[in-house]
């Protein structure tokens, strides 16, 4: 993310606020992939990452959902879950 914020995971870890790239030449798809990879790295056995909302969307309906699923998140009835590896 070249030193600029691309997302904020709320205190409970259930809500994610994303900061899409502005007109600085950053690739939006690459930014989403970077954010998904960083979130997947946070997940550890016994300390899962469980996203229920991303920006104003239900997590699995977010534009970021595709990249999250590609990094090991799975869809649940309450959102997207990564249990760690």
C-alpha atoms as a PDB file:
ATOM      1  CA  UNK A   1       0.000   0.000   0.000  1.00  0.00           C
ATOM      2  CA  UNK A   2       3.099   2.189  -0.207  1.00  0.00           C
ATOM      3  CA  UNK A   3       2.608   3.756   3.224  1.00  0.00           C
ATOM      4  CA  UNK A   4      -0.968   4.915   2.795  1.00  0.00           C
ATOM      5  CA  UNK A   5      -3.925   3.425   4.668  1.00  0.00           C
ATOM      6  CA  UNK A   6      -6.071   1.047   2.647  1.00  0.00           C
ATOM      7  CA  UNK A   7      -8.354  -0.245   5.383  1.00  0.00           C
ATOM      8  CA  UNK A   8      -9.340  -0.017   9.026  1.00  0.00           C
ATOM      9  CA  UNK A   9     -10.513  -3.072  10.939  1.00  0.00           C
ATOM     10  CA  UNK A  10     -12.828  -1.996  13.755  1.00  0.00           C
ATOM     11  CA  UNK A  11     -12.144  -2.780  17.399  1.00  0.00           C
ATOM     12  CA  UNK A  12     -14.376  -5.860  17.372  1.00  0.00           C
ATOM     13  CA  UNK A  13     -12.812  -7.153  14.148  1.00  0.00           C
ATOM     14  CA  UNK A  14     -16.227  -7.535  12.533  1.00  0.00           C
ATOM     15  CA  UNK A  15     -16.377  -4.311  10.511  1.00  0.00           C
ATOM     16  CA  UNK A  16     -13.906  -3.196   7.876  1.00  0.00           C
ATOM     17  CA  UNK A  17     -13.707   0.294   6.448  1.00  0.00           C
ATOM     18  CA  UNK A  18     -11.767   0.504   3.193  1.00  0.00           C
ATOM     19  CA  UNK A  19      -9.952   3.467   1.712  1.00  0.00           C
ATOM     20  CA  UNK A  20      -9.974   3.045  -2.074  1.00  0.00           C
ATOM     21  CA  UNK A  21      -7.026   4.519  -3.937  1.00  0.00           C
ATOM     22  CA  UNK A  22      -7.518   8.060  -5.028  1.00  0.00           C
ATOM     23  CA  UNK A  23      -6.154   9.415  -8.238  1.00  0.00           C
ATOM     24  CA  UNK A  24      -2.551   8.634  -7.325  1.00  0.00           C
ATOM     25  CA  UNK A  25      -2.124   5.977 -10.003  1.00  0.00           C
ATOM     26  CA  UNK A  26      -2.683   3.037  -7.639  1.00  0.00           C
ATOM     27  CA  UNK A  27      -4.391  -0.003  -9.138  1.00  0.00           C
ATOM     28  CA  UNK A  28      -7.719  -0.633  -7.306  1.00  0.00           C
ATOM     29  CA  UNK A  29      -7.556  -4.395  -7.909  1.00  0.00           C
ATOM     30  CA  UNK A  30      -3.990  -4.619  -6.576  1.00  0.00           C
ATOM     31  CA  UNK A  31      -5.052  -2.580  -3.537  1.00  0.00           C
ATOM     32  CA  UNK A  32      -7.962  -4.971  -2.831  1.00  0.00           C
ATOM     33  CA  UNK A  33      -5.623  -7.963  -3.200  1.00  0.00           C
ATOM     34  CA  UNK A  34      -3.094  -6.410  -0.802  1.00  0.00           C
ATOM     35  CA  UNK A  35      -5.799  -5.709   1.771  1.00  0.00           C
ATOM     36  CA  UNK A  36      -7.228  -9.235   1.482  1.00  0.00           C
ATOM     37  CA  UNK A  37      -3.758 -10.748   1.929  1.00  0.00           C
ATOM     38  CA  UNK A  38      -3.084  -8.616   5.007  1.00  0.00           C
ATOM     39  CA  UNK A  39      -6.407  -9.621   6.578  1.00  0.00           C
ATOM     40  CA  UNK A  40      -5.732 -13.298   5.864  1.00  0.00           C
ATOM     41  CA  UNK A  41      -2.360 -12.980   7.628  1.00  0.00           C
ATOM     42  CA  UNK A  42      -4.127 -11.688  10.756  1.00  0.00           C
ATOM     43  CA  UNK A  43      -6.102 -14.911  11.063  1.00  0.00           C
ATOM     44  CA  UNK A  44      -4.538 -17.573  13.269  1.00  0.00           C
ATOM     45  CA  UNK A  45      -5.823 -20.851  14.662  1.00  0.00           C
ATOM     46  CA  UNK A  46      -7.921 -19.878  17.676  1.00  0.00           C
ATOM     47  CA  UNK A  47      -8.014 -16.205  16.539  1.00  0.00           C
ATOM     48  CA  UNK A  48     -10.088 -16.102  13.363  1.00  0.00           C
ATOM     49  CA  UNK A  49     -10.937 -13.012  11.341  1.00  0.00           C
ATOM     50  CA  UNK A  50     -14.692 -12.865  10.889  1.00  0.00           C
ATOM     51  CA  UNK A  51     -15.938  -9.956   8.785  1.00  0.00           C
ATOM     52  CA  UNK A  52     -19.631  -9.139   8.942  1.00  0.00           C
ATOM     53  CA  UNK A  53     -19.636  -5.731   7.230  1.00  0.00           C
ATOM     54  CA  UNK A  54     -17.305  -4.105   4.745  1.00  0.00           C
ATOM     55  CA  UNK A  55     -18.010  -0.422   4.319  1.00  0.00           C
ATOM     56  CA  UNK A  56     -21.814  -0.210   4.026  1.00  0.00           C
ATOM     57  CA  UNK A  57     -22.215  -3.731   2.625  1.00  0.00           C
ATOM     58  CA  UNK A  58     -22.786  -7.163   4.094  1.00  0.00           C
ATOM     59  CA  UNK A  59     -19.307  -8.710   3.824  1.00  0.00           C
ATOM     60  CA  UNK A  60     -20.100 -11.333   1.176  1.00  0.00           C
ATOM     61  CA  UNK A  61     -21.702  -8.657  -1.066  1.00  0.00           C
ATOM     62  CA  UNK A  62     -18.698  -6.333  -0.940  1.00  0.00           C
ATOM     63  CA  UNK A  63     -16.500  -5.735  -3.997  1.00  0.00           C
ATOM     64  CA  UNK A  64     -13.650  -7.020  -1.792  1.00  0.00           C
ATOM     65  CA  UNK A  65     -15.328 -10.416  -1.242  1.00  0.00           C
ATOM     66  CA  UNK A  66     -13.785 -12.038  -4.332  1.00  0.00           C
ATOM     67  CA  UNK A  67     -10.254 -11.225  -3.194  1.00  0.00           C
ATOM     68  CA  UNK A  68     -11.017 -12.336   0.379  1.00  0.00           C
ATOM     69  CA  UNK A  69     -12.350 -15.686  -0.827  1.00  0.00           C
ATOM     70  CA  UNK A  70      -9.212 -16.137  -2.935  1.00  0.00           C
ATOM     71  CA  UNK A  71      -7.040 -15.752   0.201  1.00  0.00           C
ATOM     72  CA  UNK A  72      -8.859 -18.439   2.180  1.00  0.00           C
ATOM     73  CA  UNK A  73     -11.906 -16.696   3.652  1.00  0.00           C
ATOM     74  CA  UNK A  74     -15.111 -18.704   3.473  1.00  0.00           C
ATOM     75  CA  UNK A  75     -18.713 -17.563   3.323  1.00  0.00           C
ATOM     76  CA  UNK A  76     -20.857 -18.143   6.410  1.00  0.00           C
ATOM     77  CA  UNK A  77     -24.385 -17.074   7.248  1.00  0.00           C
ATOM     78  CA  UNK A  78     -22.926 -14.136   9.190  1.00  0.00           C
ATOM     79  CA  UNK A  79     -20.183 -12.964   6.864  1.00  0.00           C
ATOM     80  CA  UNK A  80     -16.716 -13.995   5.737  1.00  0.00           C
ATOM     81  CA  UNK A  81     -14.522 -16.115   8.004  1.00  0.00           C
ATOM     82  CA  UNK A  82     -10.832 -17.014   7.931  1.00  0.00           C
ATOM     83  CA  UNK A  83      -9.688 -19.422  10.649  1.00  0.00           C
ATOM     84  CA  UNK A  84      -5.970 -19.117  10.011  1.00  0.00           C
ATOM     85  CA  UNK A  85      -3.532 -21.746   8.840  1.00  0.00           C
END
